[in-house]
Amino acid sequence: MNKKISELEQKQIRNDLAEVNIGDRVKVYVKIQEGDKIRAHPFEGTVIAKKGSGARQSFTVRRISFGEGVEKVFLRHSPTIERIEVLKSTKVKRAKIYYLRGRVGKKASL
């Protein structure tokens, strides 16, 4: 049973997306359907967490929008993600940088 699940997950893994790391400034283009059209909607922010492995891998992106912190969790191998652009890479010393949630202004960015 476990072998069948792993084979199915291998088929769903996407190799065309950029690799993201904690602390990276990324722009994730998500496919949005409006009526009969499909467009790509960008979500730009800092990767604050990664979770899982294989086809179940996800990452959390945080941005400040109109003074409020907004976080979105994206499934790495989801068909709704059109592409991922890494705008800036930074080196961080932690696996999860949730401490950015408590910061405001310039201090909230890496």
PDB file of N, CA and C in Angstrom:
ATOM      1  N   MET A   1       0.823  -1.194   0.000  1.00  0.00           N
ATOM      2  CA  MET A   1       0.000   0.000   0.000  1.00  0.00           C
ATOM      3  C   MET A   1       0.868   1.259   0.000  1.00  0.00           C
ATOM      4  N   ASN A   2       1.887   1.298   0.827  1.00  0.00           N
ATOM      5  CA  ASN A   2       2.752   2.472   0.918  1.00  0.00           C
ATOM      6  C   ASN A   2       3.509   2.708  -0.391  1.00  0.00           C
ATOM      7  N   LYS A   3       3.856   1.640  -1.080  1.00  0.00           N
ATOM      8  CA  LYS A   3       4.563   1.749  -2.351  1.00  0.00           C
ATOM      9  C   LYS A   3       3.685   2.417  -3.404  1.00  0.00           C
ATOM     10  N   LYS A   4       2.397   2.088  -3.408  1.00  0.00           N
ATOM     11  CA  LYS A   4       1.473   2.686  -4.365  1.00  0.00           C
ATOM     12  C   LYS A   4       1.312   4.185  -4.112  1.00  0.00           C
ATOM     13  N   ILE A   5       1.259   4.563  -2.850  1.00  0.00           N
ATOM     14  CA  ILE A   5       1.128   5.982  -2.512  1.00  0.00           C
ATOM     15  C   ILE A   5       2.363   6.747  -2.950  1.00  0.00           C
ATOM     16  N   SER A   6       3.536   6.186  -2.708  1.00  0.00           N
ATOM     17  CA  SER A   6       4.772   6.879  -3.089  1.00  0.00           C
ATOM     18  C   SER A   6       4.897   6.989  -4.616  1.00  0.00           C
ATOM     19  N   GLU A   7       4.445   5.985  -5.346  1.00  0.00           N
ATOM     20  CA  GLU A   7       4.461   6.060  -6.811  1.00  0.00           C
ATOM     21  C   GLU A   7       3.521   7.159  -7.306  1.00  0.00           C
ATOM     22  N   LEU A   8       2.348   7.268  -6.697  1.00  0.00           N
ATOM     23  CA  LEU A   8       1.380   8.288  -7.074  1.00  0.00           C
ATOM     24  C   LEU A   8       1.928   9.680  -6.768  1.00  0.00           C
ATOM     25  N   GLU A   9       2.594   9.838  -5.619  1.00  0.00           N
ATOM     26  CA  GLU A   9       3.171  11.134  -5.262  1.00  0.00           C
ATOM     27  C   GLU A   9       4.305  11.514  -6.200  1.00  0.00           C
ATOM     28  N   GLN A  10       5.085  10.561  -6.672  1.00  0.00           N
ATOM     29  CA  GLN A  10       6.183  10.846  -7.588  1.00  0.00           C
ATOM     30  C   GLN A  10       5.676  11.432  -8.901  1.00  0.00           C
ATOM     31  N   LYS A  11       4.491  11.016  -9.332  1.00  0.00           N
ATOM     32  CA  LYS A  11       3.912  11.542 -10.563  1.00  0.00           C
ATOM     33  C   LYS A  11       3.492  13.004 -10.411  1.00  0.00           C
ATOM     34  N   GLN A  12       3.168  13.414  -9.173  1.00  0.00           N
ATOM     35  CA  GLN A  12       2.658  14.768  -8.939  1.00  0.00           C
ATOM     36  C   GLN A  12       3.758  15.779  -8.663  1.00  0.00           C
ATOM     37  N   ILE A  13       4.987  15.353  -8.459  1.00  0.00           N
ATOM     38  CA  ILE A  13       6.080  16.265  -8.146  1.00  0.00           C
ATOM     39  C   ILE A  13       6.450  17.079  -9.377  1.00  0.00           C
ATOM     40  N   ARG A  14       6.567  18.403  -9.173  1.00  0.00           N
ATOM     41  CA  ARG A  14       6.915  19.328 -10.262  1.00  0.00           C
ATOM     42  C   ARG A  14       8.371  19.749 -10.123  1.00  0.00           C
ATOM     43  N   ASN A  15       9.105  19.648 -11.215  1.00  0.00           N
ATOM     44  CA  ASN A  15      10.511  20.043 -11.222  1.00  0.00           C
ATOM     45  C   ASN A  15      10.736  21.376 -11.931  1.00  0.00           C
ATOM     46  N   ASP A  16       9.656  21.992 -12.428  1.00  0.00           N
ATOM     47  CA  ASP A  16       9.795  23.234 -13.185  1.00  0.00           C
ATOM     48  C   ASP A  16       9.761  24.483 -12.308  1.00  0.00           C
ATOM     49  N   LEU A  17       9.537  24.339 -11.001  1.00  0.00           N
ATOM     50  CA  LEU A  17       9.463  25.486 -10.107  1.00  0.00           C
ATOM     51  C   LEU A  17      10.802  25.742  -9.432  1.00  0.00           C
ATOM     52  N   ALA A  18      11.057  27.004  -9.107  1.00  0.00           N
ATOM     53  CA  ALA A  18      12.302  27.382  -8.441  1.00  0.00           C
ATOM     54  C   ALA A  18      12.311  26.855  -7.001  1.00  0.00           C
ATOM     55  N   GLU A  19      13.483  26.543  -6.496  1.00  0.00           N
ATOM     56  CA  GLU A  19      13.643  26.087  -5.112  1.00  0.00           C
ATOM     57  C   GLU A  19      13.609  27.297  -4.189  1.00  0.00           C
ATOM     58  N   VAL A  20      12.812  27.224  -3.136  1.00  0.00           N
ATOM     59  CA  VAL A  20      12.719  28.322  -2.179  1.00  0.00           C
ATOM     60  C   VAL A  20      13.307  27.894  -0.844  1.00  0.00           C
ATOM     61  N   ASN A  21      13.901  28.847  -0.141  1.00  0.00           N
ATOM     62  CA  ASN A  21      14.474  28.603   1.178  1.00  0.00           C
ATOM     63  C   ASN A  21      13.925  29.618   2.163  1.00  0.00           C
ATOM     64  N   ILE A  22      14.125  29.351   3.428  1.00  0.00           N
ATOM     65  CA  ILE A  22      13.669  30.253   4.472  1.00  0.00           C
ATOM     66  C   ILE A  22      14.398  31.593   4.328  1.00  0.00           C
ATOM     67  N   GLY A  23      13.667  32.690   4.422  1.00  0.00           N
ATOM     68  CA  GLY A  23      14.250  34.020   4.328  1.00  0.00           C
ATOM     69  C   GLY A  23      14.276  34.587   2.928  1.00  0.00           C
ATOM     70  N   ASP A  24      13.949  33.794   1.919  1.00  0.00           N
ATOM     71  CA  ASP A  24      13.939  34.289   0.544  1.00  0.00           C
ATOM     72  C   ASP A  24      12.763  35.235   0.326  1.00  0.00           C
ATOM     73  N   ARG A  25      12.990  36.250  -0.471  1.00  0.00           N
ATOM     74  CA  ARG A  25      11.924  37.141  -0.927  1.00  0.00           C
ATOM     75  C   ARG A  25      11.433  36.542  -2.243  1.00  0.00           C
ATOM     76  N   VAL A  26      10.177  36.115  -2.297  1.00  0.00           N
ATOM     77  CA  VAL A  26       9.664  35.415  -3.475  1.00  0.00           C
ATOM     78  C   VAL A  26       8.400  36.084  -4.002  1.00  0.00           C
ATOM     79  N   LYS A  27       8.131  35.799  -5.265  1.00  0.00           N
ATOM     80  CA  LYS A  27       6.880  36.199  -5.899  1.00  0.00           C
ATOM     81  C   LYS A  27       6.262  34.920  -6.445  1.00  0.00           C
ATOM     82  N   VAL A  28       5.117  34.539  -5.879  1.00  0.00           N
ATOM     83  CA  VAL A  28       4.412  33.319  -6.277  1.00  0.00           C
ATOM     84  C   VAL A  28       3.240  33.719  -7.150  1.00  0.00           C
ATOM     85  N   TYR A  29       3.188  33.194  -8.360  1.00  0.00           N
ATOM     86  CA  TYR A  29       2.089  33.470  -9.286  1.00  0.00           C
ATOM     87  C   TYR A  29       1.081  32.334  -9.179  1.00  0.00           C
ATOM     88  N   VAL A  30      -0.135  32.688  -8.732  1.00  0.00           N
ATOM     89  CA  VAL A  30      -1.202  31.708  -8.516  1.00  0.00           C
ATOM     90  C   VAL A  30      -2.246  31.874  -9.608  1.00  0.00           C
ATOM     91  N   LYS A  31      -2.703  30.762 -10.162  1.00  0.00           N
ATOM     92  CA  LYS A  31      -3.737  30.807 -11.200  1.00  0.00           C
ATOM     93  C   LYS A  31      -5.087  31.093 -10.559  1.00  0.00           C
ATOM     94  N   ILE A  32      -5.757  32.130 -11.074  1.00  0.00           N
ATOM     95  CA  ILE A  32      -7.080  32.533 -10.598  1.00  0.00           C
ATOM     96  C   ILE A  32      -8.037  32.461 -11.777  1.00  0.00           C
ATOM     97  N   GLN A  33      -9.203  31.821 -11.565  1.00  0.00           N
ATOM     98  CA  GLN A  33     -10.185  31.731 -12.633  1.00  0.00           C
ATOM     99  C   GLN A  33     -11.250  32.805 -12.419  1.00  0.00           C
ATOM    100  N   GLU A  34     -11.409  33.656 -13.425  1.00  0.00           N
ATOM    101  CA  GLU A  34     -12.427  34.697 -13.406  1.00  0.00           C
ATOM    102  C   GLU A  34     -13.330  34.493 -14.609  1.00  0.00           C
ATOM    103  N   GLY A  35     -14.482  33.944 -14.351  1.00  0.00           N
ATOM    104  CA  GLY A  35     -15.393  33.631 -15.452  1.00  0.00           C
ATOM    105  C   GLY A  35     -14.815  32.512 -16.301  1.00  0.00           C
ATOM    106  N   ASP A  36     -14.572  32.816 -17.591  1.00  0.00           N
ATOM    107  CA  ASP A  36     -13.987  31.807 -18.466  1.00  0.00           C
ATOM    108  C   ASP A  36     -12.499  32.041 -18.698  1.00  0.00           C
ATOM    109  N   LYS A  37     -11.933  33.057 -18.035  1.00  0.00           N
ATOM    110  CA  LYS A  37     -10.506  33.358 -18.188  1.00  0.00           C
ATOM    111  C   LYS A  37      -9.715  32.875 -16.979  1.00  0.00           C
ATOM    112  N   ILE A  38      -8.461  32.532 -17.228  1.00  0.00           N
ATOM    113  CA  ILE A  38      -7.543  32.176 -16.148  1.00  0.00           C
ATOM    114  C   ILE A  38      -6.388  33.158 -16.208  1.00  0.00           C
ATOM    115  N   ARG A  39      -6.102  33.803 -15.064  1.00  0.00           N
ATOM    116  CA  ARG A  39      -4.992  34.741 -15.015  1.00  0.00           C
ATOM    117  C   ARG A  39      -4.065  34.383 -13.857  1.00  0.00           C
ATOM    118  N   ALA A  40      -2.856  34.946 -13.880  1.00  0.00           N
ATOM    119  CA  ALA A  40      -1.875  34.697 -12.832  1.00  0.00           C
ATOM    120  C   ALA A  40      -1.863  35.879 -11.875  1.00  0.00           C
ATOM    121  N   HIS A  41      -2.128  35.614 -10.613  1.00  0.00           N
ATOM    122  CA  HIS A  41      -2.138  36.654  -9.590  1.00  0.00           C
ATOM    123  C   HIS A  41      -0.884  36.518  -8.728  1.00  0.00           C
ATOM    124  N   PRO A  42      -0.019  37.548  -8.669  1.00  0.00           N
ATOM    125  CA  PRO A  42       1.215  37.437  -7.894  1.00  0.00           C
ATOM    126  C   PRO A  42       0.990  37.700  -6.406  1.00  0.00           C
ATOM    127  N   PHE A  43       1.720  36.965  -5.578  1.00  0.00           N
ATOM    128  CA  PHE A  43       1.749  37.182  -4.130  1.00  0.00           C
ATOM    129  C   PHE A  43       3.213  37.266  -3.747  1.00  0.00           C
ATOM    130  N   GLU A  44       3.657  38.458  -3.346  1.00  0.00           N
ATOM    131  CA  GLU A  44       5.070  38.690  -3.056  1.00  0.00           C
ATOM    132  C   GLU A  44       5.272  38.827  -1.561  1.00  0.00           C
ATOM    133  N   GLY A  45       6.297  38.137  -1.043  1.00  0.00           N
ATOM    134  CA  GLY A  45       6.584  38.226   0.380  1.00  0.00           C
ATOM    135  C   GLY A  45       7.817  37.414   0.744  1.00  0.00           C
ATOM    136  N   THR A  46       8.017  37.239   2.053  1.00  0.00           N
ATOM    137  CA  THR A  46       9.169  36.524   2.596  1.00  0.00           C
ATOM    138  C   THR A  46       8.745  35.132   3.033  1.00  0.00           C
ATOM    139  N   VAL A  47       9.546  34.131   2.688  1.00  0.00           N
ATOM    140  CA  VAL A  47       9.272  32.761   3.116  1.00  0.00           C
ATOM    141  C   VAL A  47       9.672  32.652   4.583  1.00  0.00           C
ATOM    142  N   ILE A  48       8.692  32.343   5.450  1.00  0.00           N
ATOM    143  CA  ILE A  48       8.987  32.264   6.872  1.00  0.00           C
ATOM    144  C   ILE A  48       9.012  30.831   7.385  1.00  0.00           C
ATOM    145  N   ALA A  49       8.516  29.868   6.596  1.00  0.00           N
ATOM    146  CA  ALA A  49       8.502  28.476   7.055  1.00  0.00           C
ATOM    147  C   ALA A  49       8.380  27.525   5.876  1.00  0.00           C
ATOM    148  N   LYS A  50       8.964  26.350   6.036  1.00  0.00           N
ATOM    149  CA  LYS A  50       8.793  25.242   5.101  1.00  0.00           C
ATOM    150  C   LYS A  50       8.364  24.044   5.918  1.00  0.00           C
ATOM    151  N   LYS A  51       7.542  23.192   5.323  1.00  0.00           N
ATOM    152  CA  LYS A  51       7.014  22.053   6.053  1.00  0.00           C
ATOM    153  C   LYS A  51       6.808  20.883   5.103  1.00  0.00           C
ATOM    154  N   GLY A  52       7.029  19.684   5.567  1.00  0.00           N
ATOM    155  CA  GLY A  52       6.758  18.483   4.794  1.00  0.00           C
ATOM    156  C   GLY A  52       7.871  18.123   3.838  1.00  0.00           C
ATOM    157  N   SER A  53       7.630  17.066   3.079  1.00  0.00           N
ATOM    158  CA  SER A  53       8.603  16.608   2.088  1.00  0.00           C
ATOM    159  C   SER A  53       7.863  15.926   0.952  1.00  0.00           C
ATOM    160  N   GLY A  54       8.555  15.758  -0.148  1.00  0.00           N
ATOM    161  CA  GLY A  54       7.961  15.103  -1.310  1.00  0.00           C
ATOM    162  C   GLY A  54       6.830  15.922  -1.901  1.00  0.00           C
ATOM    163  N   ALA A  55       5.754  15.245  -2.284  1.00  0.00           N
ATOM    164  CA  ALA A  55       4.624  15.922  -2.907  1.00  0.00           C
ATOM    165  C   ALA A  55       3.803  16.720  -1.903  1.00  0.00           C
ATOM    166  N   ARG A  56       4.030  16.501  -0.613  1.00  0.00           N
ATOM    167  CA  ARG A  56       3.261  17.185   0.430  1.00  0.00           C
ATOM    168  C   ARG A  56       3.982  18.403   0.984  1.00  0.00           C
ATOM    169  N   GLN A  57       5.034  18.830   0.351  1.00  0.00           N
ATOM    170  CA  GLN A  57       5.818  19.957   0.833  1.00  0.00           C
ATOM    171  C   GLN A  57       5.041  21.261   0.685  1.00  0.00           C
ATOM    172  N   SER A  58       5.111  22.124   1.703  1.00  0.00           N
ATOM    173  CA  SER A  58       4.461  23.427   1.649  1.00  0.00           C
ATOM    174  C   SER A  58       5.396  24.482   2.218  1.00  0.00           C
ATOM    175  N   PHE A  59       5.101  25.737   1.888  1.00  0.00           N
ATOM    176  CA  PHE A  59       5.873  26.841   2.426  1.00  0.00           C
ATOM    177  C   PHE A  59       4.936  28.004   2.707  1.00  0.00           C
ATOM    178  N   THR A  60       5.289  28.810   3.718  1.00  0.00           N
ATOM    179  CA  THR A  60       4.472  29.934   4.143  1.00  0.00           C
ATOM    180  C   THR A  60       5.143  31.232   3.732  1.00  0.00           C
ATOM    181  N   VAL A  61       4.383  32.111   3.089  1.00  0.00           N
ATOM    182  CA  VAL A  61       4.889  33.407   2.632  1.00  0.00           C
ATOM    183  C   VAL A  61       4.153  34.499   3.399  1.00  0.00           C
ATOM    184  N   ARG A  62       4.909  35.463   3.920  1.00  0.00           N
ATOM    185  CA  ARG A  62       4.339  36.567   4.692  1.00  0.00           C
ATOM    186  C   ARG A  62       4.662  37.896   4.032  1.00  0.00           C
ATOM    187  N   ARG A  63       3.672  38.774   3.998  1.00  0.00           N
ATOM    188  CA  ARG A  63       3.884  40.129   3.497  1.00  0.00           C
ATOM    189  C   ARG A  63       3.060  41.099   4.332  1.00  0.00           C
ATOM    190  N   ILE A  64       3.423  42.370   4.252  1.00  0.00           N
ATOM    191  CA  ILE A  64       2.669  43.416   4.935  1.00  0.00           C
ATOM    192  C   ILE A  64       1.811  44.113   3.882  1.00  0.00           C
ATOM    193  N   SER A  65       0.499  44.122   4.099  1.00  0.00           N
ATOM    194  CA  SER A  65      -0.428  44.734   3.158  1.00  0.00           C
ATOM    195  C   SER A  65      -1.297  45.741   3.904  1.00  0.00           C
ATOM    196  N   PHE A  66      -1.141  47.028   3.554  1.00  0.00           N
ATOM    197  CA  PHE A  66      -1.880  48.111   4.188  1.00  0.00           C
ATOM    198  C   PHE A  66      -1.728  48.094   5.702  1.00  0.00           C
ATOM    199  N   GLY A  67      -0.504  47.808   6.164  1.00  0.00           N
ATOM    200  CA  GLY A  67      -0.200  47.827   7.589  1.00  0.00           C
ATOM    201  C   GLY A  67      -0.545  46.557   8.337  1.00  0.00           C
ATOM    202  N   GLU A  68      -1.126  45.589   7.675  1.00  0.00           N
ATOM    203  CA  GLU A  68      -1.500  44.318   8.297  1.00  0.00           C
ATOM    204  C   GLU A  68      -0.645  43.201   7.732  1.00  0.00           C
ATOM    205  N   GLY A  69      -0.248  42.266   8.565  1.00  0.00           N
ATOM    206  CA  GLY A  69       0.511  41.106   8.107  1.00  0.00           C
ATOM    207  C   GLY A  69      -0.416  40.080   7.491  1.00  0.00           C
ATOM    208  N   VAL A  70      -0.050  39.600   6.302  1.00  0.00           N
ATOM    209  CA  VAL A  70      -0.845  38.597   5.598  1.00  0.00           C
ATOM    210  C   VAL A  70       0.058  37.404   5.323  1.00  0.00           C
ATOM    211  N   GLU A  71      -0.391  36.219   5.689  1.00  0.00           N
ATOM    212  CA  GLU A  71       0.376  35.001   5.437  1.00  0.00           C
ATOM    213  C   GLU A  71      -0.446  34.048   4.596  1.00  0.00           C
ATOM    214  N   LYS A  72       0.216  33.391   3.666  1.00  0.00           N
ATOM    215  CA  LYS A  72      -0.421  32.376   2.836  1.00  0.00           C
ATOM    216  C   LYS A  72       0.448  31.137   2.830  1.00  0.00           C
ATOM    217  N   VAL A  73      -0.187  29.992   2.905  1.00  0.00           N
ATOM    218  CA  VAL A  73       0.509  28.717   2.820  1.00  0.00           C
ATOM    219  C   VAL A  73       0.278  28.157   1.424  1.00  0.00           C
ATOM    220  N   PHE A  74       1.377  27.848   0.733  1.00  0.00           N
ATOM    221  CA  PHE A  74       1.294  27.312  -0.623  1.00  0.00           C
ATOM    222  C   PHE A  74       1.802  25.877  -0.628  1.00  0.00           C
ATOM    223  N   LEU A  75       1.087  25.008  -1.312  1.00  0.00           N
ATOM    224  CA  LEU A  75       1.588  23.664  -1.555  1.00  0.00           C
ATOM    225  C   LEU A  75       2.601  23.753  -2.692  1.00  0.00           C
ATOM    226  N   ARG A  76       3.783  23.247  -2.462  1.00  0.00           N
ATOM    227  CA  ARG A  76       4.909  23.408  -3.392  1.00  0.00           C
ATOM    228  C   ARG A  76       4.614  22.831  -4.772  1.00  0.00           C
ATOM    229  N   HIS A  77       3.959  21.701  -4.838  1.00  0.00           N
ATOM    230  CA  HIS A  77       3.734  21.002  -6.105  1.00  0.00           C
ATOM    231  C   HIS A  77       2.288  21.129  -6.595  1.00  0.00           C
ATOM    232  N   SER A  78       1.589  22.170  -6.150  1.00  0.00           N
ATOM    233  CA  SER A  78       0.198  22.381  -6.527  1.00  0.00           C
ATOM    234  C   SER A  78       0.082  22.796  -7.989  1.00  0.00           C
ATOM    235  N   PRO A  79      -0.929  22.307  -8.698  1.00  0.00           N
ATOM    236  CA  PRO A  79      -1.129  22.730 -10.085  1.00  0.00           C
ATOM    237  C   PRO A  79      -1.632  24.171 -10.195  1.00  0.00           C
ATOM    238  N   THR A  80      -2.081  24.779  -9.096  1.00  0.00           N
ATOM    239  CA  THR A  80      -2.551  26.158  -9.146  1.00  0.00           C
ATOM    240  C   THR A  80      -1.408  27.168  -9.140  1.00  0.00           C
ATOM    241  N   ILE A  81      -0.200  26.736  -8.820  1.00  0.00           N
ATOM    242  CA  ILE A  81       0.949  27.633  -8.871  1.00  0.00           C
ATOM    243  C   ILE A  81       1.496  27.627 -10.289  1.00  0.00           C
ATOM    244  N   GLU A  82       1.524  28.805 -10.898  1.00  0.00           N
ATOM    245  CA  GLU A  82       2.040  28.921 -12.260  1.00  0.00           C
ATOM    246  C   GLU A  82       3.566  28.945 -12.270  1.00  0.00           C
ATOM    247  N   ARG A  83       4.131  29.834 -11.429  1.00  0.00           N
ATOM    248  CA  ARG A  83       5.589  29.886 -11.320  1.00  0.00           C
ATOM    249  C   ARG A  83       5.979  30.587 -10.021  1.00  0.00           C
ATOM    250  N   ILE A  84       7.242  30.399  -9.639  1.00  0.00           N
ATOM    251  CA  ILE A  84       7.794  31.029  -8.447  1.00  0.00           C
ATOM    252  C   ILE A  84       9.063  31.758  -8.853  1.00  0.00           C
ATOM    253  N   GLU A  85       9.142  33.043  -8.499  1.00  0.00           N
ATOM    254  CA  GLU A  85      10.346  33.823  -8.762  1.00  0.00           C
ATOM    255  C   GLU A  85      11.021  34.126  -7.429  1.00  0.00           C
ATOM    256  N   VAL A  86      12.303  33.817  -7.317  1.00  0.00           N
ATOM    257  CA  VAL A  86      13.072  34.189  -6.131  1.00  0.00           C
ATOM    258  C   VAL A  86      13.696  35.544  -6.422  1.00  0.00           C
ATOM    259  N   LEU A  87      13.249  36.578  -5.695  1.00  0.00           N
ATOM    260  CA  LEU A  87      13.709  37.938  -5.929  1.00  0.00           C
ATOM    261  C   LEU A  87      15.005  38.232  -5.170  1.00  0.00           C
ATOM    262  N   LYS A  88      15.115  37.686  -3.957  1.00  0.00           N
ATOM    263  CA  LYS A  88      16.278  37.951  -3.122  1.00  0.00           C
ATOM    264  C   LYS A  88      16.478  36.778  -2.176  1.00  0.00           C
ATOM    265  N   SER A  89      17.715  36.329  -2.031  1.00  0.00           N
ATOM    266  CA  SER A  89      18.032  35.258  -1.091  1.00  0.00           C
ATOM    267  C   SER A  89      18.813  35.829   0.079  1.00  0.00           C
ATOM    268  N   THR A  90      18.420  35.441   1.275  1.00  0.00           N
ATOM    269  CA  THR A  90      19.146  35.848   2.463  1.00  0.00           C
ATOM    270  C   THR A  90      19.465  34.626   3.297  1.00  0.00           C
ATOM    271  N   LYS A  91      20.498  34.737   4.105  1.00  0.00           N
ATOM    272  CA  LYS A  91      20.902  33.643   4.970  1.00  0.00           C
ATOM    273  C   LYS A  91      20.330  33.876   6.360  1.00  0.00           C
ATOM    274  N   VAL A  92      19.580  32.928   6.862  1.00  0.00           N
ATOM    275  CA  VAL A  92      19.015  33.025   8.202  1.00  0.00           C
ATOM    276  C   VAL A  92      19.539  31.876   9.042  1.00  0.00           C
ATOM    277  N   LYS A  93      19.478  32.050  10.354  1.00  0.00           N
ATOM    278  CA  LYS A  93      20.035  31.058  11.267  1.00  0.00           C
ATOM    279  C   LYS A  93      18.969  30.177  11.902  1.00  0.00           C
ATOM    280  N   ARG A  94      17.736  30.320  11.466  1.00  0.00           N
ATOM    281  CA  ARG A  94      16.649  29.537  12.051  1.00  0.00           C
ATOM    282  C   ARG A  94      15.852  28.817  10.966  1.00  0.00           C
ATOM    283  N   ALA A  95      15.181  27.743  11.368  1.00  0.00           N
ATOM    284  CA  ALA A  95      14.367  26.979  10.433  1.00  0.00           C
ATOM    285  C   ALA A  95      13.016  27.643  10.201  1.00  0.00           C
ATOM    286  N   LYS A  96      12.508  28.319  11.212  1.00  0.00           N
ATOM    287  CA  LYS A  96      11.240  29.039  11.105  1.00  0.00           C
ATOM    288  C   LYS A  96      11.496  30.459  11.614  1.00  0.00           C
ATOM    289  N   ILE A  97      11.128  31.452  10.844  1.00  0.00           N
ATOM    290  CA  ILE A  97      11.373  32.835  11.264  1.00  0.00           C
ATOM    291  C   ILE A  97      10.056  33.521  11.622  1.00  0.00           C
ATOM    292  N   TYR A  98       9.326  32.890  12.547  1.00  0.00           N
ATOM    293  CA  TYR A  98       8.054  33.428  13.019  1.00  0.00           C
ATOM    294  C   TYR A  98       8.233  34.721  13.808  1.00  0.00           C
ATOM    295  N   TYR A  99       9.458  35.026  14.224  1.00  0.00           N
ATOM    296  CA  TYR A  99       9.689  36.244  14.988  1.00  0.00           C
ATOM    297  C   TYR A  99       9.404  37.502  14.164  1.00  0.00           C
ATOM    298  N   LEU A 100       9.302  37.375  12.839  1.00  0.00           N
ATOM    299  CA  LEU A 100       8.956  38.533  12.005  1.00  0.00           C
ATOM    300  C   LEU A 100       7.525  38.996  12.265  1.00  0.00           C
ATOM    301  N   ARG A 101       6.695  38.126  12.830  1.00  0.00           N
ATOM    302  CA  ARG A 101       5.306  38.492  13.099  1.00  0.00           C
ATOM    303  C   ARG A 101       5.204  39.619  14.125  1.00  0.00           C
ATOM    304  N   GLY A 102       6.145  39.687  15.018  1.00  0.00           N
ATOM    305  CA  GLY A 102       6.107  40.701  16.061  1.00  0.00           C
ATOM    306  C   GLY A 102       6.803  41.994  15.697  1.00  0.00           C
ATOM    307  N   ARG A 103       7.329  42.100  14.507  1.00  0.00           N
ATOM    308  CA  ARG A 103       8.071  43.284  14.097  1.00  0.00           C
ATOM    309  C   ARG A 103       7.250  44.171  13.174  1.00  0.00           C
ATOM    310  N   VAL A 104       7.592  45.454  13.186  1.00  0.00           N
ATOM    311  CA  VAL A 104       6.839  46.444  12.402  1.00  0.00           C
ATOM    312  C   VAL A 104       7.818  47.269  11.581  1.00  0.00           C
ATOM    313  N   GLY A 105       7.406  47.685  10.395  1.00  0.00           N
ATOM    314  CA  GLY A 105       8.199  48.576   9.565  1.00  0.00           C
ATOM    315  C   GLY A 105       9.398  47.892   8.935  1.00  0.00           C
ATOM    316  N   LYS A 106      10.540  48.594   8.887  1.00  0.00           N
ATOM    317  CA  LYS A 106      11.741  48.046   8.259  1.00  0.00           C
ATOM    318  C   LYS A 106      12.258  46.824   8.989  1.00  0.00           C
ATOM    319  N   LYS A 107      12.017  46.745  10.280  1.00  0.00           N
ATOM    320  CA  LYS A 107      12.492  45.614  11.074  1.00  0.00           C
ATOM    321  C   LYS A 107      11.777  44.321  10.710  1.00  0.00           C
ATOM    322  N   ALA A 108      10.629  44.434  10.054  1.00  0.00           N
ATOM    323  CA  ALA A 108       9.840  43.257   9.694  1.00  0.00           C
ATOM    324  C   ALA A 108      10.367  42.600   8.422  1.00  0.00           C
ATOM    325  N   SER A 109      11.327  43.231   7.727  1.00  0.00           N
ATOM    326  CA  SER A 109      11.880  42.638   6.517  1.00  0.00           C
ATOM    327  C   SER A 109      13.310  42.211   6.768  1.00  0.00           C
ATOM    328  N   LEU A 110      13.751  41.243   5.983  1.00  0.00           N
ATOM    329  CA  LEU A 110      15.137  40.743   6.138  1.00  0.00           C
ATOM    330  C   LEU A 110      16.065  41.429   5.178  1.00  0.00           C
TER     331      LEU A 110
END
